[in-house]
Amino acid sequence: MNHAMCDAQGLVQFLNGVGELARGASVPSILPVWRRELLEARIPPQVTYTHHEYDYVPDTRGTILPFSDLSHRSFFIPSSEIADLRRSLPLHLRGCTAFM
């Protein structure tokens, strides 16, 4: 799940809807609301929010945690590797999540 596209409540509603359809419902009890037009850029495009998460990071050399080599990256962990990691956990922790 990409948190930029869906929050936990939206994911739960989606999965409940899929479950209802799998159990034979003709439509889910909560219908999706697409509202994709909310994601369209204005014409002309204009910035209305300052994203401080991309502000300059101050010099942190000499601190306990060096932040000078950080980078923003997205990555994908295949379900087979998640299964391997789960198998390496103690038994009481293996059921911590079922999402993959």
N, C-alpha and C. Protein backbone atom coordinates (compact mmCIF):
# COMPACT_ATOMS: atom_id res chain seq x y z
N MET A 1 0.84 -1.17 0.00
CA MET A 1 0.00 0.00 0.00
C MET A 1 0.89 1.24 0.00
N ASN A 2 0.54 2.19 -0.78
CA ASN A 2 1.26 3.45 -0.82
C ASN A 2 0.47 4.46 0.00
N HIS A 3 1.05 4.94 1.09
CA HIS A 3 0.34 5.85 1.99
C HIS A 3 0.00 7.18 1.34
N ALA A 4 0.64 7.52 0.24
CA ALA A 4 0.27 8.74 -0.46
C ALA A 4 -1.05 8.58 -1.19
N MET A 5 -1.45 7.36 -1.47
CA MET A 5 -2.67 7.10 -2.22
C MET A 5 -3.83 6.61 -1.36
N CYS A 6 -3.56 6.10 -0.17
CA CYS A 6 -4.62 5.51 0.63
C CYS A 6 -4.21 5.51 2.09
N ASP A 7 -5.16 5.81 2.98
CA ASP A 7 -4.87 5.71 4.40
C ASP A 7 -5.39 4.37 4.93
N ALA A 8 -5.17 4.10 6.21
CA ALA A 8 -5.55 2.82 6.79
C ALA A 8 -7.06 2.60 6.71
N GLN A 9 -7.84 3.63 6.99
CA GLN A 9 -9.29 3.48 6.94
C GLN A 9 -9.76 3.16 5.52
N GLY A 10 -9.18 3.83 4.54
CA GLY A 10 -9.53 3.55 3.15
C GLY A 10 -9.17 2.13 2.75
N LEU A 11 -8.02 1.65 3.21
CA LEU A 11 -7.62 0.28 2.91
C LEU A 11 -8.57 -0.71 3.55
N VAL A 12 -8.96 -0.47 4.80
CA VAL A 12 -9.90 -1.36 5.48
C VAL A 12 -11.24 -1.39 4.74
N GLN A 13 -11.73 -0.23 4.32
CA GLN A 13 -12.99 -0.20 3.58
C GLN A 13 -12.87 -0.96 2.26
N PHE A 14 -11.75 -0.80 1.58
CA PHE A 14 -11.52 -1.51 0.32
C PHE A 14 -11.51 -3.02 0.55
N LEU A 15 -10.74 -3.48 1.54
CA LEU A 15 -10.65 -4.91 1.79
C LEU A 15 -11.97 -5.49 2.26
N ASN A 16 -12.73 -4.75 3.07
CA ASN A 16 -14.06 -5.21 3.46
C ASN A 16 -14.97 -5.33 2.25
N GLY A 17 -14.90 -4.35 1.34
CA GLY A 17 -15.70 -4.41 0.12
C GLY A 17 -15.34 -5.61 -0.74
N VAL A 18 -14.05 -5.88 -0.90
CA VAL A 18 -13.61 -7.05 -1.67
C VAL A 18 -14.12 -8.32 -1.00
N GLY A 19 -14.05 -8.37 0.32
CA GLY A 19 -14.55 -9.54 1.05
C GLY A 19 -16.04 -9.74 0.85
N GLU A 20 -16.79 -8.64 0.88
CA GLU A 20 -18.24 -8.74 0.66
C GLU A 20 -18.55 -9.27 -0.74
N LEU A 21 -17.81 -8.77 -1.73
CA LEU A 21 -18.01 -9.26 -3.10
C LEU A 21 -17.63 -10.73 -3.21
N ALA A 22 -16.56 -11.14 -2.54
CA ALA A 22 -16.13 -12.54 -2.58
C ALA A 22 -17.15 -13.45 -1.91
N ARG A 23 -17.90 -12.91 -0.94
CA ARG A 23 -18.94 -13.70 -0.26
C ARG A 23 -20.27 -13.67 -1.00
N GLY A 24 -20.33 -13.04 -2.17
CA GLY A 24 -21.52 -13.10 -3.00
C GLY A 24 -22.34 -11.83 -3.09
N ALA A 25 -21.94 -10.75 -2.42
CA ALA A 25 -22.69 -9.50 -2.52
C ALA A 25 -22.58 -8.96 -3.95
N SER A 26 -23.65 -8.32 -4.44
CA SER A 26 -23.60 -7.77 -5.79
C SER A 26 -22.90 -6.41 -5.81
N VAL A 27 -22.95 -5.69 -4.68
CA VAL A 27 -22.23 -4.42 -4.53
C VAL A 27 -21.70 -4.36 -3.09
N PRO A 28 -20.58 -3.67 -2.87
CA PRO A 28 -20.09 -3.53 -1.49
C PRO A 28 -21.00 -2.61 -0.69
N SER A 29 -21.02 -2.76 0.63
CA SER A 29 -21.89 -1.94 1.48
C SER A 29 -21.44 -0.48 1.48
N ILE A 30 -20.18 -0.21 1.29
CA ILE A 30 -19.67 1.16 1.16
C ILE A 30 -19.13 1.31 -0.25
N LEU A 31 -19.78 2.14 -1.05
CA LEU A 31 -19.35 2.33 -2.43
C LEU A 31 -18.11 3.21 -2.49
N PRO A 32 -17.22 2.96 -3.46
CA PRO A 32 -16.02 3.80 -3.58
C PRO A 32 -16.39 5.20 -4.04
N VAL A 33 -15.59 6.15 -3.62
CA VAL A 33 -15.73 7.54 -4.06
C VAL A 33 -14.42 7.90 -4.73
N TRP A 34 -14.45 8.05 -6.04
CA TRP A 34 -13.20 8.27 -6.76
C TRP A 34 -12.73 9.71 -6.64
N ARG A 35 -13.53 10.67 -7.00
CA ARG A 35 -13.19 12.09 -6.91
C ARG A 35 -11.78 12.38 -7.43
N ARG A 36 -11.42 11.76 -8.53
CA ARG A 36 -10.07 11.95 -9.09
C ARG A 36 -9.80 13.40 -9.47
N GLU A 37 -10.85 14.15 -9.72
CA GLU A 37 -10.64 15.55 -10.11
C GLU A 37 -9.95 16.33 -9.01
N LEU A 38 -10.02 15.85 -7.77
CA LEU A 38 -9.33 16.54 -6.68
C LEU A 38 -7.81 16.47 -6.83
N LEU A 39 -7.31 15.52 -7.62
CA LEU A 39 -5.88 15.35 -7.80
C LEU A 39 -5.34 16.08 -9.03
N GLU A 40 -6.23 16.68 -9.82
CA GLU A 40 -5.79 17.38 -11.02
C GLU A 40 -5.13 18.71 -10.66
N ALA A 41 -4.13 19.08 -11.42
CA ALA A 41 -3.45 20.36 -11.21
C ALA A 41 -4.36 21.50 -11.63
N ARG A 42 -4.19 22.62 -10.98
CA ARG A 42 -4.92 23.82 -11.38
C ARG A 42 -4.39 24.32 -12.73
N ILE A 43 -5.22 25.07 -13.44
CA ILE A 43 -4.77 25.69 -14.69
C ILE A 43 -4.85 27.20 -14.49
N PRO A 44 -3.72 27.87 -14.44
CA PRO A 44 -2.35 27.35 -14.48
C PRO A 44 -1.98 26.72 -13.13
N PRO A 45 -1.03 25.78 -13.14
CA PRO A 45 -0.61 25.17 -11.88
C PRO A 45 -0.09 26.22 -10.90
N GLN A 46 -0.37 26.03 -9.63
CA GLN A 46 0.15 26.95 -8.62
C GLN A 46 0.41 26.19 -7.32
N VAL A 47 1.48 26.58 -6.65
CA VAL A 47 1.86 25.96 -5.38
C VAL A 47 1.04 26.62 -4.28
N THR A 48 0.34 25.80 -3.50
CA THR A 48 -0.48 26.34 -2.41
C THR A 48 -0.03 25.84 -1.05
N TYR A 49 0.98 24.97 -1.02
CA TYR A 49 1.45 24.40 0.24
C TYR A 49 2.96 24.24 0.17
N THR A 50 3.65 24.69 1.19
CA THR A 50 5.10 24.54 1.24
C THR A 50 5.42 23.19 1.88
N HIS A 51 6.16 22.37 1.16
CA HIS A 51 6.53 21.05 1.66
C HIS A 51 7.87 21.16 2.39
N HIS A 52 7.80 21.34 3.71
CA HIS A 52 9.01 21.52 4.51
C HIS A 52 9.87 20.26 4.59
N GLU A 53 9.28 19.11 4.25
CA GLU A 53 10.07 17.88 4.29
C GLU A 53 11.20 17.91 3.27
N TYR A 54 11.15 18.84 2.30
CA TYR A 54 12.22 18.96 1.31
C TYR A 54 13.10 20.18 1.55
N ASP A 55 12.95 20.81 2.70
CA ASP A 55 13.80 21.94 3.05
C ASP A 55 15.25 21.48 3.20
N TYR A 56 16.13 22.43 3.14
CA TYR A 56 17.56 22.14 3.34
C TYR A 56 17.78 21.54 4.72
N VAL A 57 18.56 20.47 4.79
CA VAL A 57 18.90 19.84 6.06
C VAL A 57 20.18 20.49 6.57
N PRO A 58 20.18 21.01 7.80
CA PRO A 58 21.38 21.67 8.31
C PRO A 58 22.55 20.69 8.46
N ASP A 59 23.74 21.25 8.49
CA ASP A 59 24.96 20.45 8.65
C ASP A 59 24.91 19.70 9.98
N THR A 60 25.01 18.39 9.93
CA THR A 60 24.93 17.58 11.15
C THR A 60 26.23 16.83 11.43
N ARG A 61 27.29 17.22 10.74
CA ARG A 61 28.57 16.56 11.03
C ARG A 61 28.94 16.79 12.49
N GLY A 62 29.44 15.75 13.11
CA GLY A 62 29.81 15.85 14.51
C GLY A 62 28.69 15.45 15.45
N THR A 63 27.50 15.17 14.92
CA THR A 63 26.41 14.70 15.77
C THR A 63 26.48 13.19 15.89
N ILE A 64 25.70 12.64 16.78
CA ILE A 64 25.70 11.19 16.98
C ILE A 64 25.22 10.48 15.73
N LEU A 65 24.16 11.02 15.10
CA LEU A 65 23.61 10.42 13.88
C LEU A 65 23.95 11.33 12.70
N PRO A 66 24.81 10.88 11.80
CA PRO A 66 25.12 11.73 10.64
C PRO A 66 23.96 11.71 9.65
N PHE A 67 23.44 12.88 9.33
CA PHE A 67 22.34 12.98 8.38
C PHE A 67 22.80 13.43 7.01
N SER A 68 24.07 13.55 6.79
CA SER A 68 24.57 14.11 5.54
C SER A 68 24.42 13.16 4.36
N ASP A 69 24.25 11.87 4.61
CA ASP A 69 24.17 10.93 3.50
C ASP A 69 22.78 10.32 3.35
N LEU A 70 21.74 10.99 3.85
CA LEU A 70 20.38 10.48 3.71
C LEU A 70 19.85 10.74 2.32
N SER A 71 18.97 9.85 1.86
CA SER A 71 18.31 10.06 0.58
C SER A 71 16.89 9.51 0.68
N HIS A 72 15.99 10.08 -0.10
CA HIS A 72 14.61 9.60 -0.16
C HIS A 72 14.52 8.56 -1.26
N ARG A 73 14.05 7.36 -0.93
CA ARG A 73 13.92 6.30 -1.92
C ARG A 73 12.66 5.49 -1.64
N SER A 74 12.03 5.03 -2.68
CA SER A 74 10.97 4.04 -2.57
C SER A 74 11.59 2.69 -2.89
N PHE A 75 11.10 1.65 -2.25
CA PHE A 75 11.63 0.33 -2.53
C PHE A 75 10.53 -0.70 -2.41
N PHE A 76 10.76 -1.85 -3.00
CA PHE A 76 9.78 -2.93 -3.02
C PHE A 76 10.43 -4.16 -2.39
N ILE A 77 9.72 -4.79 -1.47
CA ILE A 77 10.19 -6.04 -0.86
C ILE A 77 9.24 -7.13 -1.33
N PRO A 78 9.72 -8.09 -2.12
CA PRO A 78 8.84 -9.15 -2.61
C PRO A 78 8.25 -9.97 -1.46
N SER A 79 7.07 -10.52 -1.69
CA SER A 79 6.40 -11.30 -0.65
C SER A 79 7.23 -12.51 -0.23
N SER A 80 8.04 -13.06 -1.13
CA SER A 80 8.89 -14.20 -0.77
C SER A 80 9.93 -13.80 0.28
N GLU A 81 10.47 -12.59 0.16
CA GLU A 81 11.44 -12.12 1.15
C GLU A 81 10.76 -11.79 2.48
N ILE A 82 9.54 -11.25 2.41
CA ILE A 82 8.79 -10.99 3.65
C ILE A 82 8.51 -12.31 4.36
N ALA A 83 8.15 -13.35 3.59
CA ALA A 83 7.90 -14.67 4.18
C ALA A 83 9.18 -15.20 4.83
N ASP A 84 10.33 -15.01 4.19
CA ASP A 84 11.60 -15.44 4.79
C ASP A 84 11.86 -14.71 6.10
N LEU A 85 11.63 -13.40 6.10
CA LEU A 85 11.82 -12.63 7.34
C LEU A 85 10.87 -13.10 8.43
N ARG A 86 9.61 -13.35 8.06
CA ARG A 86 8.62 -13.80 9.04
C ARG A 86 9.04 -15.15 9.64
N ARG A 87 9.56 -16.06 8.80
CA ARG A 87 9.99 -17.37 9.31
C ARG A 87 11.15 -17.25 10.28
N SER A 88 11.92 -16.17 10.20
CA SER A 88 13.07 -16.02 11.10
C SER A 88 12.66 -15.43 12.45
N LEU A 89 11.41 -14.98 12.58
CA LEU A 89 10.94 -14.40 13.84
C LEU A 89 10.60 -15.48 14.85
N PRO A 90 10.65 -15.16 16.15
CA PRO A 90 10.15 -16.11 17.15
C PRO A 90 8.66 -16.38 16.89
N LEU A 91 8.19 -17.54 17.28
CA LEU A 91 6.81 -17.93 16.99
C LEU A 91 5.78 -16.91 17.46
N HIS A 92 5.99 -16.30 18.64
CA HIS A 92 4.99 -15.39 19.18
C HIS A 92 4.92 -14.07 18.41
N LEU A 93 5.86 -13.80 17.50
CA LEU A 93 5.84 -12.57 16.72
C LEU A 93 5.45 -12.80 15.26
N ARG A 94 5.29 -14.02 14.86
CA ARG A 94 5.05 -14.30 13.43
C ARG A 94 3.68 -13.84 12.95
N GLY A 95 2.74 -13.65 13.82
CA GLY A 95 1.41 -13.22 13.40
C GLY A 95 1.20 -11.73 13.54
N CYS A 96 2.28 -10.94 13.57
CA CYS A 96 2.16 -9.52 13.81
C CYS A 96 1.39 -8.79 12.71
N THR A 97 1.46 -9.26 11.49
CA THR A 97 0.69 -8.67 10.40
C THR A 97 0.48 -9.70 9.32
N ALA A 98 -0.61 -9.53 8.58
CA ALA A 98 -0.88 -10.43 7.48
C ALA A 98 -0.80 -9.71 6.15
N PHE A 99 -0.53 -8.40 6.18
CA PHE A 99 -0.47 -7.64 4.92
C PHE A 99 0.85 -7.88 4.25
N MET A 100 0.81 -8.10 2.94
CA MET A 100 2.02 -8.28 2.14
C MET A 100 1.93 -7.47 0.89
